[in-house]
Amino acid sequence: MPQHSQAALLAGYRRFREDHWPEARAQYEALAVEGQKPHTLVVACSDSRADPALIFDTAPGQLFVVRNVANLVPPYQPDGALHGVSAALEFGVKVLGVRRIVVMGHAGCGGVNAMVHGAPANCQDFVAPWVQQGAPVVRRVAEACAPDEVEQMTEEAVVRLSLENLRTFPWITEREAAGTLALSGIHFGIADGVLRVLTDKPRFETID
């Protein structure tokens, strides 16, 4: 219910002011004066269970996070249309000078499931066309693997697709070639809390 959600938010804010703010105040004041200098840009899913700042135990100012359905990065397309993800990438790379871009997928991703089975009937205005950009790749992967592997393999495929699309941005490939920017792909298991990273094998391997 709306009132319950507002009460939950306000209660969280009060805990923040009482428990966290006294110790963090100086840090926030410094960030307000000096500006943000995040070392990493994370492209993550909007899923409420997979919060990059919480998973990586980071402080304010360390991560520049871009979240959307299924952690998708569209290809480079400077056509004057509205491109929220691309705008965030441009700002993070060119203005903030991040040194790494991480694409973080996660288990049980509804967006990836929509690429395999189609978007919900009541989400045709925006979700359906958004996930369609990954559907052809994801469906090919789903058809080639065992039924019990479909979820994980398709989620990994979207991470790989987003990394491929990142490399269509000329100012990303230039920096990667120069060694000033690195790209990484990871996958987070919601049920077990395990993080797996895409290696040069290429496969995802558990981080100890």
N, C-alpha and C. Protein backbone atom coordinates (compact mmCIF):
# COMPACT_ATOMS: atom_id res chain seq x y z
N MET A 1 0.84 -1.19 0.00
CA MET A 1 0.00 0.00 0.00
C MET A 1 0.88 1.25 0.00
N PRO A 2 0.47 2.31 -0.69
CA PRO A 2 1.29 3.53 -0.79
C PRO A 2 1.75 4.08 0.55
N GLN A 3 0.85 4.15 1.54
CA GLN A 3 1.22 4.71 2.84
C GLN A 3 2.28 3.86 3.53
N HIS A 4 2.15 2.53 3.38
CA HIS A 4 3.12 1.63 4.00
C HIS A 4 4.50 1.83 3.39
N SER A 5 4.56 1.97 2.06
CA SER A 5 5.85 2.15 1.40
C SER A 5 6.49 3.47 1.80
N GLN A 6 5.68 4.53 1.94
CA GLN A 6 6.22 5.81 2.38
C GLN A 6 6.75 5.72 3.80
N ALA A 7 6.03 5.02 4.66
CA ALA A 7 6.47 4.86 6.04
C ALA A 7 7.79 4.10 6.10
N ALA A 8 7.93 3.08 5.25
CA ALA A 8 9.16 2.31 5.21
C ALA A 8 10.33 3.17 4.76
N LEU A 9 10.10 4.02 3.76
CA LEU A 9 11.16 4.90 3.28
C LEU A 9 11.58 5.91 4.36
N LEU A 10 10.61 6.51 5.00
CA LEU A 10 10.92 7.49 6.04
C LEU A 10 11.63 6.85 7.23
N ALA A 11 11.22 5.63 7.57
CA ALA A 11 11.90 4.93 8.67
C ALA A 11 13.35 4.65 8.30
N GLY A 12 13.58 4.29 7.04
CA GLY A 12 14.95 4.05 6.59
C GLY A 12 15.76 5.32 6.62
N TYR A 13 15.15 6.43 6.20
CA TYR A 13 15.86 7.71 6.23
C TYR A 13 16.24 8.09 7.66
N ARG A 14 15.34 7.86 8.60
CA ARG A 14 15.64 8.21 9.99
C ARG A 14 16.76 7.33 10.55
N ARG A 15 16.80 6.06 10.16
CA ARG A 15 17.91 5.19 10.58
C ARG A 15 19.22 5.70 9.98
N PHE A 16 19.15 6.14 8.72
CA PHE A 16 20.33 6.69 8.06
C PHE A 16 20.85 7.90 8.81
N ARG A 17 19.97 8.81 9.19
CA ARG A 17 20.37 10.03 9.88
C ARG A 17 20.91 9.74 11.28
N GLU A 18 20.32 8.74 11.92
CA GLU A 18 20.70 8.45 13.30
C GLU A 18 21.94 7.57 13.39
N ASP A 19 21.99 6.53 12.54
CA ASP A 19 23.05 5.53 12.67
C ASP A 19 24.24 5.76 11.74
N HIS A 20 23.97 6.26 10.55
CA HIS A 20 25.03 6.35 9.55
C HIS A 20 25.57 7.76 9.38
N TRP A 21 24.70 8.74 9.37
CA TRP A 21 25.11 10.11 9.04
C TRP A 21 26.18 10.68 9.97
N PRO A 22 26.10 10.48 11.27
CA PRO A 22 27.13 11.09 12.14
C PRO A 22 28.55 10.70 11.75
N GLU A 23 28.77 9.43 11.39
CA GLU A 23 30.10 8.98 11.02
C GLU A 23 30.44 9.36 9.58
N ALA A 24 29.43 9.42 8.70
CA ALA A 24 29.68 9.65 7.28
C ALA A 24 29.60 11.12 6.88
N ARG A 25 29.22 11.97 7.80
CA ARG A 25 28.99 13.38 7.45
C ARG A 25 30.21 14.03 6.81
N ALA A 26 31.37 13.83 7.38
CA ALA A 26 32.58 14.45 6.83
C ALA A 26 32.84 13.95 5.41
N GLN A 27 32.58 12.69 5.19
CA GLN A 27 32.80 12.13 3.85
C GLN A 27 31.85 12.75 2.84
N TYR A 28 30.59 12.88 3.20
CA TYR A 28 29.62 13.49 2.30
C TYR A 28 29.96 14.96 2.05
N GLU A 29 30.39 15.66 3.09
CA GLU A 29 30.75 17.07 2.92
C GLU A 29 31.92 17.21 1.95
N ALA A 30 32.89 16.31 2.06
CA ALA A 30 34.03 16.34 1.14
C ALA A 30 33.59 16.05 -0.29
N LEU A 31 32.69 15.08 -0.45
CA LEU A 31 32.19 14.76 -1.78
C LEU A 31 31.41 15.93 -2.38
N ALA A 32 30.70 16.66 -1.53
CA ALA A 32 29.94 17.82 -2.02
C ALA A 32 30.87 18.91 -2.52
N VAL A 33 32.01 19.08 -1.86
CA VAL A 33 32.96 20.12 -2.24
C VAL A 33 33.85 19.67 -3.41
N GLU A 34 34.37 18.46 -3.30
CA GLU A 34 35.35 17.98 -4.28
C GLU A 34 34.73 17.31 -5.50
N GLY A 35 33.46 16.91 -5.40
CA GLY A 35 32.81 16.20 -6.49
C GLY A 35 33.10 14.71 -6.42
N GLN A 36 32.46 13.98 -7.31
CA GLN A 36 32.63 12.53 -7.31
C GLN A 36 33.79 12.11 -8.20
N LYS A 37 34.50 11.07 -7.77
CA LYS A 37 35.60 10.51 -8.55
C LYS A 37 35.52 8.98 -8.49
N PRO A 38 34.44 8.41 -9.00
CA PRO A 38 34.29 6.95 -8.93
C PRO A 38 35.34 6.24 -9.79
N HIS A 39 35.83 5.11 -9.27
CA HIS A 39 36.84 4.37 -10.03
C HIS A 39 36.20 3.40 -11.03
N THR A 40 34.93 3.05 -10.81
CA THR A 40 34.29 2.02 -11.63
C THR A 40 32.87 2.43 -12.01
N LEU A 41 32.51 2.14 -13.24
CA LEU A 41 31.14 2.29 -13.70
C LEU A 41 30.54 0.89 -13.78
N VAL A 42 29.40 0.69 -13.14
CA VAL A 42 28.74 -0.61 -13.14
C VAL A 42 27.43 -0.51 -13.92
N VAL A 43 27.28 -1.38 -14.91
CA VAL A 43 26.01 -1.53 -15.61
C VAL A 43 25.32 -2.73 -14.99
N ALA A 44 24.25 -2.50 -14.26
CA ALA A 44 23.57 -3.56 -13.52
C ALA A 44 22.09 -3.57 -13.85
N CYS A 45 21.43 -4.64 -13.43
CA CYS A 45 19.99 -4.75 -13.61
C CYS A 45 19.27 -3.92 -12.56
N SER A 46 18.06 -3.51 -12.88
CA SER A 46 17.25 -2.75 -11.93
C SER A 46 16.68 -3.62 -10.82
N ASP A 47 16.86 -4.92 -10.92
CA ASP A 47 16.32 -5.85 -9.93
C ASP A 47 16.69 -5.41 -8.51
N SER A 48 15.69 -5.34 -7.64
CA SER A 48 15.90 -4.82 -6.28
C SER A 48 16.75 -5.73 -5.41
N ARG A 49 17.00 -6.96 -5.88
CA ARG A 49 17.77 -7.92 -5.07
C ARG A 49 19.26 -7.89 -5.37
N ALA A 50 19.67 -7.13 -6.38
CA ALA A 50 21.08 -7.15 -6.80
C ALA A 50 21.63 -5.73 -6.83
N ASP A 51 21.98 -5.22 -5.68
CA ASP A 51 22.45 -3.85 -5.52
C ASP A 51 23.98 -3.82 -5.55
N PRO A 52 24.60 -3.26 -6.58
CA PRO A 52 26.07 -3.26 -6.68
C PRO A 52 26.76 -2.63 -5.48
N ALA A 53 26.25 -1.52 -4.98
CA ALA A 53 26.90 -0.85 -3.85
C ALA A 53 26.93 -1.74 -2.62
N LEU A 54 25.88 -2.52 -2.43
CA LEU A 54 25.81 -3.42 -1.28
C LEU A 54 26.71 -4.64 -1.50
N ILE A 55 26.66 -5.20 -2.70
CA ILE A 55 27.45 -6.40 -3.02
C ILE A 55 28.94 -6.13 -2.91
N PHE A 56 29.37 -4.96 -3.37
CA PHE A 56 30.79 -4.63 -3.33
C PHE A 56 31.20 -3.84 -2.09
N ASP A 57 30.25 -3.61 -1.20
CA ASP A 57 30.52 -2.93 0.07
C ASP A 57 31.28 -1.62 -0.15
N THR A 58 30.73 -0.78 -1.02
CA THR A 58 31.41 0.46 -1.39
C THR A 58 30.85 1.66 -0.64
N ALA A 59 31.65 2.69 -0.58
CA ALA A 59 31.24 3.95 0.04
C ALA A 59 30.72 4.89 -1.04
N PRO A 60 29.97 5.92 -0.65
CA PRO A 60 29.51 6.91 -1.63
C PRO A 60 30.69 7.49 -2.40
N GLY A 61 30.49 7.68 -3.69
CA GLY A 61 31.53 8.27 -4.53
C GLY A 61 32.44 7.27 -5.21
N GLN A 62 32.31 5.96 -4.89
CA GLN A 62 33.22 4.97 -5.46
C GLN A 62 32.70 4.32 -6.73
N LEU A 63 31.38 4.17 -6.84
CA LEU A 63 30.78 3.54 -8.01
C LEU A 63 29.84 4.50 -8.72
N PHE A 64 29.91 4.48 -10.04
CA PHE A 64 28.94 5.20 -10.88
C PHE A 64 28.06 4.11 -11.48
N VAL A 65 26.82 4.00 -11.00
CA VAL A 65 25.98 2.85 -11.32
C VAL A 65 24.89 3.22 -12.32
N VAL A 66 24.78 2.40 -13.37
CA VAL A 66 23.75 2.54 -14.39
C VAL A 66 22.90 1.28 -14.33
N ARG A 67 21.62 1.43 -14.00
CA ARG A 67 20.77 0.25 -13.85
C ARG A 67 19.61 0.30 -14.85
N ASN A 68 19.33 -0.83 -15.43
CA ASN A 68 18.21 -0.94 -16.35
C ASN A 68 17.73 -2.40 -16.39
N VAL A 69 16.68 -2.67 -17.10
CA VAL A 69 16.16 -4.02 -17.21
C VAL A 69 17.19 -4.91 -17.91
N ALA A 70 17.67 -5.92 -17.21
CA ALA A 70 18.57 -6.96 -17.75
C ALA A 70 19.99 -6.47 -18.03
N ASN A 71 20.42 -5.41 -17.37
CA ASN A 71 21.80 -4.90 -17.51
C ASN A 71 22.28 -4.86 -18.96
N LEU A 72 21.44 -4.30 -19.81
CA LEU A 72 21.74 -4.24 -21.24
C LEU A 72 22.48 -2.95 -21.61
N VAL A 73 23.46 -3.09 -22.48
CA VAL A 73 24.11 -1.95 -23.12
C VAL A 73 23.77 -2.00 -24.60
N PRO A 74 23.03 -1.02 -25.11
CA PRO A 74 22.75 -1.00 -26.55
C PRO A 74 24.01 -0.63 -27.33
N PRO A 75 24.06 -0.93 -28.61
CA PRO A 75 25.22 -0.54 -29.42
C PRO A 75 25.33 0.99 -29.53
N TYR A 76 26.50 1.45 -29.88
CA TYR A 76 26.77 2.87 -30.11
C TYR A 76 25.89 3.37 -31.25
N GLN A 77 25.11 4.40 -31.00
CA GLN A 77 24.18 4.91 -32.00
C GLN A 77 23.89 6.39 -31.74
N PRO A 78 24.82 7.27 -32.10
CA PRO A 78 24.63 8.71 -31.84
C PRO A 78 23.70 9.35 -32.88
N ASP A 79 22.40 9.06 -32.77
CA ASP A 79 21.44 9.49 -33.77
C ASP A 79 20.55 10.63 -33.29
N GLY A 80 20.85 11.17 -32.13
CA GLY A 80 20.04 12.27 -31.62
C GLY A 80 18.82 11.82 -30.83
N ALA A 81 18.57 10.52 -30.79
CA ALA A 81 17.45 10.01 -29.99
C ALA A 81 17.83 9.98 -28.51
N LEU A 82 16.91 9.56 -27.68
CA LEU A 82 17.15 9.54 -26.23
C LEU A 82 17.77 8.21 -25.84
N HIS A 83 19.03 8.23 -25.40
CA HIS A 83 19.77 7.03 -25.04
C HIS A 83 20.32 7.18 -23.63
N GLY A 84 19.55 6.74 -22.65
CA GLY A 84 19.95 6.94 -21.26
C GLY A 84 21.21 6.20 -20.87
N VAL A 85 21.33 4.93 -21.29
CA VAL A 85 22.51 4.15 -20.94
C VAL A 85 23.75 4.75 -21.60
N SER A 86 23.63 5.07 -22.87
CA SER A 86 24.77 5.63 -23.60
C SER A 86 25.19 6.98 -23.03
N ALA A 87 24.23 7.78 -22.60
CA ALA A 87 24.55 9.08 -21.99
C ALA A 87 25.33 8.87 -20.70
N ALA A 88 24.91 7.90 -19.89
CA ALA A 88 25.62 7.62 -18.64
C ALA A 88 27.03 7.11 -18.91
N LEU A 89 27.17 6.26 -19.92
CA LEU A 89 28.50 5.77 -20.29
C LEU A 89 29.40 6.92 -20.71
N GLU A 90 28.87 7.81 -21.54
CA GLU A 90 29.67 8.93 -22.03
C GLU A 90 30.12 9.82 -20.87
N PHE A 91 29.22 10.10 -19.96
CA PHE A 91 29.57 10.94 -18.81
C PHE A 91 30.59 10.23 -17.91
N GLY A 92 30.34 8.96 -17.65
CA GLY A 92 31.24 8.23 -16.77
C GLY A 92 32.65 8.09 -17.32
N VAL A 93 32.74 7.83 -18.62
CA VAL A 93 34.06 7.62 -19.25
C VAL A 93 34.75 8.95 -19.54
N LYS A 94 34.04 9.88 -20.17
CA LYS A 94 34.67 11.11 -20.65
C LYS A 94 34.83 12.18 -19.57
N VAL A 95 33.86 12.27 -18.68
CA VAL A 95 33.89 13.33 -17.67
C VAL A 95 34.48 12.83 -16.35
N LEU A 96 33.97 11.70 -15.87
CA LEU A 96 34.44 11.19 -14.57
C LEU A 96 35.73 10.40 -14.69
N GLY A 97 36.02 9.90 -15.88
CA GLY A 97 37.27 9.18 -16.08
C GLY A 97 37.36 7.86 -15.33
N VAL A 98 36.25 7.11 -15.31
CA VAL A 98 36.30 5.80 -14.63
C VAL A 98 37.38 4.93 -15.27
N ARG A 99 37.94 4.05 -14.46
CA ARG A 99 39.03 3.19 -14.95
C ARG A 99 38.57 1.78 -15.29
N ARG A 100 37.31 1.48 -14.94
CA ARG A 100 36.79 0.15 -15.25
C ARG A 100 35.28 0.24 -15.47
N ILE A 101 34.78 -0.56 -16.41
CA ILE A 101 33.34 -0.73 -16.61
C ILE A 101 33.02 -2.19 -16.34
N VAL A 102 32.08 -2.42 -15.43
CA VAL A 102 31.66 -3.77 -15.08
C VAL A 102 30.21 -3.96 -15.50
N VAL A 103 29.95 -5.03 -16.25
CA VAL A 103 28.57 -5.43 -16.54
C VAL A 103 28.22 -6.54 -15.56
N MET A 104 27.20 -6.32 -14.75
CA MET A 104 26.83 -7.29 -13.72
C MET A 104 25.46 -7.89 -13.98
N GLY A 105 25.44 -9.15 -14.39
CA GLY A 105 24.19 -9.89 -14.50
C GLY A 105 23.87 -10.55 -13.16
N HIS A 106 22.72 -11.19 -13.08
CA HIS A 106 22.36 -11.85 -11.82
C HIS A 106 21.41 -13.01 -12.08
N ALA A 107 21.32 -13.90 -11.12
CA ALA A 107 20.43 -15.05 -11.21
C ALA A 107 18.97 -14.62 -11.14
N GLY A 108 18.11 -15.38 -11.79
CA GLY A 108 16.68 -15.11 -11.73
C GLY A 108 16.27 -13.80 -12.36
N CYS A 109 16.95 -13.41 -13.44
CA CYS A 109 16.68 -12.12 -14.07
C CYS A 109 15.40 -12.17 -14.90
N GLY A 110 14.42 -11.38 -14.52
CA GLY A 110 13.16 -11.33 -15.24
C GLY A 110 13.30 -10.77 -16.64
N GLY A 111 14.24 -9.84 -16.82
CA GLY A 111 14.45 -9.27 -18.15
C GLY A 111 15.00 -10.30 -19.12
N VAL A 112 15.92 -11.10 -18.66
CA VAL A 112 16.47 -12.16 -19.52
C VAL A 112 15.39 -13.21 -19.81
N ASN A 113 14.60 -13.53 -18.81
CA ASN A 113 13.49 -14.46 -19.01
C ASN A 113 12.53 -13.95 -20.08
N ALA A 114 12.32 -12.62 -20.09
CA ALA A 114 11.45 -12.02 -21.11
C ALA A 114 12.06 -12.12 -22.50
N MET A 115 13.37 -12.14 -22.59
CA MET A 115 14.02 -12.33 -23.90
C MET A 115 13.77 -13.74 -24.42
N VAL A 116 13.70 -14.69 -23.52
CA VAL A 116 13.48 -16.09 -23.92
C VAL A 116 12.01 -16.36 -24.22
N HIS A 117 11.13 -15.88 -23.34
CA HIS A 117 9.71 -16.25 -23.42
C HIS A 117 8.79 -15.11 -23.85
N GLY A 118 9.34 -13.91 -24.00
CA GLY A 118 8.51 -12.76 -24.34
C GLY A 118 8.19 -11.94 -23.11
N ALA A 119 8.02 -10.64 -23.32
CA ALA A 119 7.72 -9.73 -22.21
C ALA A 119 6.29 -9.96 -21.73
N PRO A 120 6.00 -9.64 -20.46
CA PRO A 120 4.62 -9.76 -19.97
C PRO A 120 3.65 -8.98 -20.84
N ALA A 121 2.43 -9.48 -20.93
CA ALA A 121 1.42 -8.87 -21.80
C ALA A 121 1.14 -7.42 -21.46
N ASN A 122 1.30 -7.06 -20.18
CA ASN A 122 1.02 -5.68 -19.77
C ASN A 122 2.26 -4.79 -19.79
N CYS A 123 3.36 -5.27 -20.41
CA CYS A 123 4.60 -4.49 -20.51
C CYS A 123 5.07 -4.40 -21.95
N GLN A 124 4.17 -4.02 -22.81
CA GLN A 124 4.49 -3.98 -24.24
C GLN A 124 4.96 -2.61 -24.73
N ASP A 125 4.70 -1.57 -23.95
CA ASP A 125 5.08 -0.23 -24.41
C ASP A 125 6.59 -0.03 -24.43
N PHE A 126 7.27 -0.46 -23.37
CA PHE A 126 8.69 -0.19 -23.24
C PHE A 126 9.54 -1.44 -22.98
N VAL A 127 9.05 -2.34 -22.12
CA VAL A 127 9.83 -3.53 -21.80
C VAL A 127 10.02 -4.41 -23.02
N ALA A 128 8.96 -4.66 -23.76
CA ALA A 128 9.04 -5.56 -24.92
C ALA A 128 10.08 -5.11 -25.94
N PRO A 129 10.06 -3.85 -26.40
CA PRO A 129 11.09 -3.44 -27.36
C PRO A 129 12.49 -3.38 -26.74
N TRP A 130 12.56 -3.09 -25.44
CA TRP A 130 13.87 -3.01 -24.79
C TRP A 130 14.55 -4.39 -24.77
N VAL A 131 13.82 -5.41 -24.34
CA VAL A 131 14.44 -6.75 -24.24
C VAL A 131 14.62 -7.38 -25.61
N GLN A 132 13.91 -6.90 -26.60
CA GLN A 132 14.03 -7.48 -27.93
C GLN A 132 15.45 -7.36 -28.48
N GLN A 133 16.17 -6.34 -28.05
CA GLN A 133 17.53 -6.16 -28.56
C GLN A 133 18.46 -7.32 -28.16
N GLY A 134 18.11 -8.02 -27.10
CA GLY A 134 18.94 -9.16 -26.71
C GLY A 134 18.32 -10.50 -27.04
N ALA A 135 17.07 -10.51 -27.46
CA ALA A 135 16.33 -11.75 -27.66
C ALA A 135 16.96 -12.71 -28.67
N PRO A 136 17.40 -12.25 -29.85
CA PRO A 136 17.96 -13.21 -30.81
C PRO A 136 19.16 -13.99 -30.27
N VAL A 137 20.07 -13.30 -29.61
CA VAL A 137 21.25 -13.96 -29.05
C VAL A 137 20.84 -14.91 -27.94
N VAL A 138 19.98 -14.45 -27.06
CA VAL A 138 19.58 -15.24 -25.91
C VAL A 138 18.82 -16.50 -26.33
N ARG A 139 17.96 -16.37 -27.32
CA ARG A 139 17.18 -17.54 -27.76
C ARG A 139 18.07 -18.58 -28.44
N ARG A 140 19.07 -18.14 -29.16
CA ARG A 140 20.02 -19.10 -29.75
C ARG A 140 20.74 -19.88 -28.65
N VAL A 141 21.14 -19.18 -27.61
CA VAL A 141 21.82 -19.84 -26.49
C VAL A 141 20.87 -20.82 -25.80
N ALA A 142 19.63 -20.39 -25.58
CA ALA A 142 18.65 -21.23 -24.89
C ALA A 142 18.37 -22.51 -25.66
N GLU A 143 18.33 -22.43 -26.97
CA GLU A 143 18.06 -23.60 -27.80
C GLU A 143 19.21 -24.59 -27.81
N ALA A 144 20.42 -24.11 -27.50
CA ALA A 144 21.61 -24.96 -27.60
C ALA A 144 22.02 -25.61 -26.30
N CYS A 145 21.33 -25.31 -25.19
CA CYS A 145 21.75 -25.87 -23.90
C CYS A 145 20.62 -26.67 -23.26
N ALA A 146 20.99 -27.44 -22.26
CA ALA A 146 20.03 -28.27 -21.55
C ALA A 146 19.03 -27.40 -20.79
N PRO A 147 17.81 -27.91 -20.59
CA PRO A 147 16.77 -27.11 -19.91
C PRO A 147 17.20 -26.57 -18.55
N ASP A 148 17.97 -27.37 -17.79
CA ASP A 148 18.37 -26.90 -16.46
C ASP A 148 19.51 -25.89 -16.50
N GLU A 149 20.03 -25.61 -17.69
CA GLU A 149 21.12 -24.65 -17.83
C GLU A 149 20.66 -23.34 -18.46
N VAL A 150 19.40 -23.32 -18.93
CA VAL A 150 18.93 -22.17 -19.71
C VAL A 150 19.06 -20.86 -18.94
N GLU A 151 18.59 -20.84 -17.69
CA GLU A 151 18.60 -19.58 -16.94
C GLU A 151 20.01 -19.00 -16.83
N GLN A 152 20.94 -19.80 -16.34
CA GLN A 152 22.30 -19.29 -16.12
C GLN A 152 23.00 -18.95 -17.44
N MET A 153 22.86 -19.81 -18.43
CA MET A 153 23.56 -19.59 -19.70
C MET A 153 23.04 -18.36 -20.42
N THR A 154 21.73 -18.12 -20.36
CA THR A 154 21.19 -16.94 -21.03
C THR A 154 21.57 -15.66 -20.29
N GLU A 155 21.60 -15.72 -18.97
CA GLU A 155 22.04 -14.54 -18.20
C GLU A 155 23.50 -14.22 -18.50
N GLU A 156 24.32 -15.23 -18.63
CA GLU A 156 25.72 -15.02 -19.00
C GLU A 156 25.82 -14.46 -20.42
N ALA A 157 24.95 -14.91 -21.30
CA ALA A 157 24.97 -14.44 -22.69
C ALA A 157 24.68 -12.95 -22.77
N VAL A 158 23.78 -12.45 -21.91
CA VAL A 158 23.47 -11.02 -21.93
C VAL A 158 24.66 -10.20 -21.44
N VAL A 159 25.38 -10.71 -20.45
CA VAL A 159 26.59 -10.02 -20.00
C VAL A 159 27.58 -9.93 -21.15
N ARG A 160 27.78 -11.03 -21.86
CA ARG A 160 28.70 -11.02 -23.00
C ARG A 160 28.24 -10.06 -24.09
N LEU A 161 26.93 -10.05 -24.36
CA LEU A 161 26.38 -9.15 -25.37
C LEU A 161 26.63 -7.69 -25.00
N SER A 162 26.40 -7.35 -23.74
CA SER A 162 26.63 -5.97 -23.31
C SER A 162 28.10 -5.58 -23.42
N LEU A 163 28.99 -6.51 -23.12
CA LEU A 163 30.42 -6.23 -23.28
C LEU A 163 30.76 -6.02 -24.76
N GLU A 164 30.19 -6.83 -25.64
CA GLU A 164 30.41 -6.64 -27.08
C GLU A 164 29.91 -5.28 -27.52
N ASN A 165 28.75 -4.88 -27.03
CA ASN A 165 28.19 -3.59 -27.42
C ASN A 165 29.00 -2.43 -26.85
N LEU A 166 29.57 -2.61 -25.66
CA LEU A 166 30.44 -1.56 -25.12
C LEU A 166 31.59 -1.27 -26.07
N ARG A 167 32.06 -2.30 -26.72
CA ARG A 167 33.22 -2.14 -27.61
C ARG A 167 32.85 -1.56 -28.97
N THR A 168 31.55 -1.22 -29.17
CA THR A 168 31.18 -0.46 -30.37
C THR A 168 31.30 1.03 -30.14
N PHE A 169 31.52 1.45 -28.88
CA PHE A 169 31.71 2.87 -28.57
C PHE A 169 33.18 3.22 -28.83
N PRO A 170 33.48 4.07 -29.78
CA PRO A 170 34.88 4.33 -30.13
C PRO A 170 35.73 4.84 -28.98
N TRP A 171 35.16 5.69 -28.14
CA TRP A 171 35.94 6.24 -27.02
C TRP A 171 36.11 5.24 -25.88
N ILE A 172 35.40 4.14 -25.93
CA ILE A 172 35.66 3.04 -24.99
C ILE A 172 36.75 2.14 -25.52
N THR A 173 36.67 1.77 -26.80
CA THR A 173 37.70 0.90 -27.39
C THR A 173 39.06 1.59 -27.41
N GLU A 174 39.06 2.90 -27.64
CA GLU A 174 40.33 3.64 -27.64
C GLU A 174 41.00 3.57 -26.27
N ARG A 175 40.22 3.77 -25.24
CA ARG A 175 40.78 3.74 -23.88
C ARG A 175 41.15 2.32 -23.46
N GLU A 176 40.37 1.35 -23.89
CA GLU A 176 40.72 -0.04 -23.57
C GLU A 176 42.04 -0.42 -24.24
N ALA A 177 42.20 -0.03 -25.50
CA ALA A 177 43.44 -0.33 -26.22
C ALA A 177 44.64 0.37 -25.59
N ALA A 178 44.41 1.56 -25.05
CA ALA A 178 45.49 2.31 -24.43
C ALA A 178 45.81 1.83 -23.01
N GLY A 179 44.96 0.96 -22.48
CA GLY A 179 45.20 0.44 -21.13
C GLY A 179 44.72 1.35 -20.02
N THR A 180 43.92 2.35 -20.34
CA THR A 180 43.41 3.27 -19.31
C THR A 180 42.00 2.91 -18.86
N LEU A 181 41.39 1.94 -19.53
CA LEU A 181 40.04 1.50 -19.18
C LEU A 181 39.95 -0.01 -19.37
N ALA A 182 39.40 -0.70 -18.38
CA ALA A 182 39.23 -2.15 -18.45
C ALA A 182 37.75 -2.49 -18.41
N LEU A 183 37.37 -3.57 -19.08
CA LEU A 183 36.00 -4.04 -19.10
C LEU A 183 35.91 -5.40 -18.42
N SER A 184 34.88 -5.60 -17.61
CA SER A 184 34.70 -6.86 -16.89
C SER A 184 33.25 -7.29 -16.95
N GLY A 185 33.04 -8.61 -16.92
CA GLY A 185 31.71 -9.17 -16.84
C GLY A 185 31.59 -10.05 -15.62
N ILE A 186 30.51 -9.90 -14.85
CA ILE A 186 30.32 -10.70 -13.65
C ILE A 186 28.86 -11.15 -13.56
N HIS A 187 28.62 -12.14 -12.71
CA HIS A 187 27.26 -12.66 -12.50
C HIS A 187 27.10 -12.93 -11.01
N PHE A 188 26.01 -12.43 -10.45
CA PHE A 188 25.75 -12.56 -9.01
C PHE A 188 24.64 -13.55 -8.75
N GLY A 189 24.90 -14.51 -7.86
CA GLY A 189 23.89 -15.48 -7.47
C GLY A 189 23.09 -14.97 -6.29
N ILE A 190 21.83 -14.70 -6.48
CA ILE A 190 21.02 -14.12 -5.41
C ILE A 190 20.86 -15.09 -4.24
N ALA A 191 20.60 -16.34 -4.52
CA ALA A 191 20.33 -17.31 -3.45
C ALA A 191 21.56 -17.65 -2.64
N ASP A 192 22.74 -17.69 -3.30
CA ASP A 192 23.96 -18.10 -2.58
C ASP A 192 24.93 -16.95 -2.33
N GLY A 193 24.67 -15.77 -2.91
CA GLY A 193 25.54 -14.63 -2.70
C GLY A 193 26.90 -14.76 -3.35
N VAL A 194 27.03 -15.69 -4.30
CA VAL A 194 28.33 -15.94 -4.94
C VAL A 194 28.48 -15.09 -6.19
N LEU A 195 29.66 -14.53 -6.35
CA LEU A 195 29.99 -13.73 -7.52
C LEU A 195 30.89 -14.53 -8.44
N ARG A 196 30.55 -14.52 -9.72
CA ARG A 196 31.36 -15.23 -10.72
C ARG A 196 31.81 -14.22 -11.76
N VAL A 197 33.04 -14.35 -12.23
CA VAL A 197 33.62 -13.38 -13.15
C VAL A 197 33.94 -14.05 -14.48
N LEU A 198 33.72 -13.32 -15.56
CA LEU A 198 34.04 -13.81 -16.90
C LEU A 198 35.55 -13.75 -17.10
N THR A 199 36.14 -14.89 -17.37
CA THR A 199 37.59 -14.98 -17.56
C THR A 199 37.91 -15.01 -19.05
N ASP A 200 39.19 -15.06 -19.38
CA ASP A 200 39.58 -15.12 -20.78
C ASP A 200 39.55 -16.55 -21.34
N LYS A 201 38.92 -17.48 -20.59
CA LYS A 201 38.83 -18.88 -21.03
C LYS A 201 38.09 -19.07 -22.36
N PRO A 202 36.88 -18.52 -22.63
CA PRO A 202 36.13 -17.58 -21.79
C PRO A 202 34.98 -18.30 -21.07
N ARG A 203 34.96 -18.24 -19.77
CA ARG A 203 33.86 -18.77 -18.99
C ARG A 203 33.81 -18.00 -17.67
N PHE A 204 32.68 -18.16 -16.97
CA PHE A 204 32.51 -17.51 -15.69
C PHE A 204 33.05 -18.43 -14.60
N GLU A 205 33.89 -17.88 -13.74
CA GLU A 205 34.47 -18.66 -12.66
C GLU A 205 34.20 -17.98 -11.32
N THR A 206 33.97 -18.78 -10.30
CA THR A 206 33.66 -18.27 -8.97
C THR A 206 34.84 -17.51 -8.37
N ILE A 207 34.53 -16.39 -7.75
CA ILE A 207 35.54 -15.61 -7.03
C ILE A 207 35.62 -16.12 -5.60
N ASP A 208 36.79 -16.49 -5.15
CA ASP A 208 36.98 -16.98 -3.78
C ASP A 208 36.88 -15.84 -2.78
